[in-house]
Protein backbone atom coordinates (compact mmCIF):
# COMPACT_ATOMS: atom_id res chain seq x y z
CA MET A 1 -0.03 -0.03 -0.02
CA GLU A 2 1.08 3.52 -0.69
CA GLU A 3 1.01 6.60 1.44
CA CYS A 4 -1.53 9.31 0.79
CA ASN A 5 0.18 12.24 -0.96
CA ILE A 6 -1.92 14.67 0.99
CA CYS A 7 -2.18 13.47 4.63
CA GLY A 8 0.31 10.68 4.71
CA ALA A 9 -2.19 7.91 5.69
CA LYS A 10 -0.93 4.36 4.97
CA ASP A 11 -4.03 3.08 3.13
CA ALA A 12 -4.02 5.20 -0.07
CA GLN A 13 -5.58 3.21 -2.83
CA ARG A 14 -7.40 5.79 -4.95
CA LYS A 15 -6.23 8.37 -7.48
CA ALA A 16 -7.57 11.91 -7.73
CA ARG A 17 -6.86 15.01 -9.79
CA ILE A 18 -6.31 17.82 -7.25
CA GLU A 19 -5.49 21.29 -8.72
CA GLY A 20 -4.40 19.70 -11.98
CA VAL A 21 -2.11 17.13 -10.44
CA ILE A 22 -2.88 13.42 -10.28
CA LEU A 23 -2.16 12.08 -6.76
CA VAL A 24 -2.49 8.84 -4.84
CA VAL A 25 -4.92 9.60 -2.00
CA CYS A 26 -6.80 7.94 0.82
CA ASP A 27 -10.59 7.70 1.09
CA ASN A 28 -10.78 10.93 3.17
CA CYS A 29 -8.68 13.03 0.82
CA VAL A 30 -10.28 11.85 -2.42
CA LYS A 31 -13.16 14.34 -1.87
CA LEU A 32 -10.61 17.22 -2.23
CA GLY A 33 -10.45 16.66 -6.01
CA GLU A 34 -11.94 14.70 -8.84
CA GLU A 35 -11.52 10.87 -8.51
CA ILE A 36 -9.89 9.11 -11.49
CA THR A 37 -11.20 5.62 -12.20
CA ILE A 38 -8.57 3.06 -12.97
CA ILE A 39 -9.05 0.89 -15.99
CA LYS A 40 -7.48 -2.56 -15.94
CA ILE A 41 -7.23 -4.72 -19.01
CA LYS A 42 -7.60 -8.38 -18.32
CA GLN A 43 -6.57 -11.19 -20.67
CA VAL A 44 -9.47 -13.34 -21.80
CA LYS A 45 -8.92 -16.91 -22.89
CA LYS A 46 -11.40 -17.92 -25.61
CA THR A 47 -11.75 -21.61 -24.99
CA PRO A 48 -15.04 -23.41 -25.30
CA LYS A 49 -16.58 -24.66 -22.10
CA ILE A 50 -16.72 -28.42 -21.93
CA ILE A 51 -19.70 -29.88 -20.04
CA GLU A 52 -19.58 -33.49 -18.81
CA GLU A 53 -22.85 -35.15 -18.34
CA SER A 54 -23.93 -38.68 -17.44
CA GLN A 55 -27.22 -39.81 -18.71
CA ASP A 56 -29.36 -42.89 -18.11
CA VAL A 57 -30.09 -44.62 -21.45
CA VAL A 58 -32.34 -47.67 -22.02
CA VAL A 59 -30.28 -50.44 -23.63
CA HIS A 60 -30.71 -51.10 -27.37
CA TYR A 61 -33.34 -53.82 -28.14
CA PHE A 62 -34.69 -53.69 -24.53
CA PHE A 63 -38.08 -54.89 -25.90
CA LYS A 64 -36.52 -58.16 -27.20
CA ILE A 65 -34.78 -58.71 -23.88
CA ILE A 66 -38.16 -58.28 -22.02
CA LYS A 67 -39.93 -60.64 -24.33
CA THR A 68 -37.13 -63.30 -24.06
CA GLU A 69 -37.15 -62.97 -20.23
CA ARG A 70 -40.95 -63.39 -20.14
CA GLU A 71 -40.83 -66.44 -22.46
CA LYS A 72 -37.98 -67.99 -20.38
CA ARG A 73 -40.38 -67.96 -17.40
CA ASN A 74 -43.22 -69.46 -19.52
CA MET A 75 -45.41 -66.40 -18.86
CA THR A 76 -48.01 -64.82 -21.13
CA GLN A 77 -48.26 -61.14 -21.65
CA GLU A 78 -51.44 -61.16 -19.53
CA GLU A 79 -49.63 -62.83 -16.61
CA LEU A 80 -46.77 -60.41 -16.74
CA ALA A 81 -49.17 -57.40 -16.89
CA ARG A 82 -50.97 -58.78 -13.79
CA LYS A 83 -47.74 -59.36 -11.77
CA LEU A 84 -46.50 -55.84 -12.59
CA ASN A 85 -49.97 -54.27 -12.03
CA GLU A 86 -49.92 -52.85 -15.56
CA LYS A 87 -52.35 -52.98 -18.42
CA LEU A 88 -52.03 -55.70 -21.02
CA SER A 89 -51.84 -53.10 -23.77
CA VAL A 90 -48.83 -51.50 -22.13
CA ILE A 91 -46.94 -54.88 -22.06
CA ARG A 92 -47.86 -55.47 -25.74
CA ARG A 93 -46.67 -51.95 -26.75
CA ILE A 94 -43.37 -52.49 -24.88
CA GLU A 95 -42.71 -55.79 -26.65
CA GLU A 96 -43.40 -54.06 -29.95
CA GLY A 97 -40.67 -51.49 -29.27
CA TRP A 98 -42.45 -48.62 -27.45
CA GLU A 99 -40.19 -47.13 -24.81
CA PRO A 100 -42.13 -46.77 -21.54
CA PRO A 101 -41.33 -44.27 -18.82
CA ILE A 102 -38.15 -44.98 -16.77
CA SER A 103 -40.24 -45.90 -13.71
CA LEU A 104 -41.76 -48.84 -15.62
CA ILE A 105 -38.31 -49.89 -17.04
CA LYS A 106 -37.00 -49.98 -13.47
CA LYS A 107 -40.00 -52.09 -12.39
CA LEU A 108 -39.15 -54.57 -15.19
CA GLU A 109 -35.49 -54.55 -14.21
CA LYS A 110 -36.45 -55.48 -10.63
CA PHE A 111 -38.97 -58.13 -11.65
CA PHE A 112 -36.68 -59.91 -14.11
CA LYS A 113 -33.44 -59.17 -12.15
CA ILE A 114 -31.78 -57.75 -15.32
CA ASP A 115 -30.20 -54.42 -16.32
CA LEU A 116 -32.11 -52.39 -18.93
CA ILE A 117 -30.62 -48.99 -18.09
CA GLU A 118 -26.98 -48.01 -18.54
CA LYS A 119 -25.13 -44.81 -17.76
CA VAL A 120 -23.55 -43.06 -20.73
CA GLU A 121 -20.93 -40.38 -20.20
CA LYS A 122 -21.10 -37.49 -22.70
CA LYS A 123 -18.80 -34.58 -23.22
CA LYS A 124 -20.30 -31.72 -25.13
CA ILE A 125 -18.91 -28.34 -25.94
CA ASN A 126 -20.93 -25.31 -25.17
CA LYS A 127 -21.10 -23.88 -28.66
CA ARG A 128 -22.81 -20.75 -27.48
CA GLN A 129 -19.66 -19.60 -25.78
CA GLU A 130 -17.49 -20.71 -28.72
CA GLN A 131 -19.34 -18.49 -31.21
CA ARG A 132 -19.55 -15.44 -28.99
CA LYS A 133 -17.50 -12.46 -30.10
CA LEU A 134 -15.40 -10.39 -27.66
CA THR A 135 -16.75 -7.03 -26.57
CA ILE A 136 -15.00 -4.19 -24.95
CA GLY A 137 -16.78 -5.17 -21.72
CA ASP A 138 -15.01 -8.54 -21.86
CA ILE A 139 -11.54 -7.09 -21.66
CA VAL A 140 -11.94 -3.81 -19.64
CA GLU A 141 -12.47 -3.82 -15.92
CA VAL A 142 -13.36 -0.42 -14.34
CA ASN A 143 -12.66 0.10 -10.66
């Protein structure tokens, strides 16, 4: 820290123009003149932001797996629907390839003791930040 050019205080951090001269002054002495704002230029790195996400994904051909598991246990679609407390039409649609809500997929996983959901790690680049042009506000910091 510098000394105030007017009173000698140890905490002089501001600049002011007093009678035509720019001086380093403390908070008390800054009111004796016109304060000068300090402009700092900061360096900006223009690198795209990488976002890592993990996502639950239903395995490919889950409907074939469900049908195979049901047939292994010698169950009809009606029996499976009754045991899961679901409608027969829902079980038919699932075995035809319709992807049900995750809650029903988890219910099927638990019933058959199989895995139908897998975690997939994705990295994606935030393109919005990549395409953004620099403005004067990005590089100038006014105190």
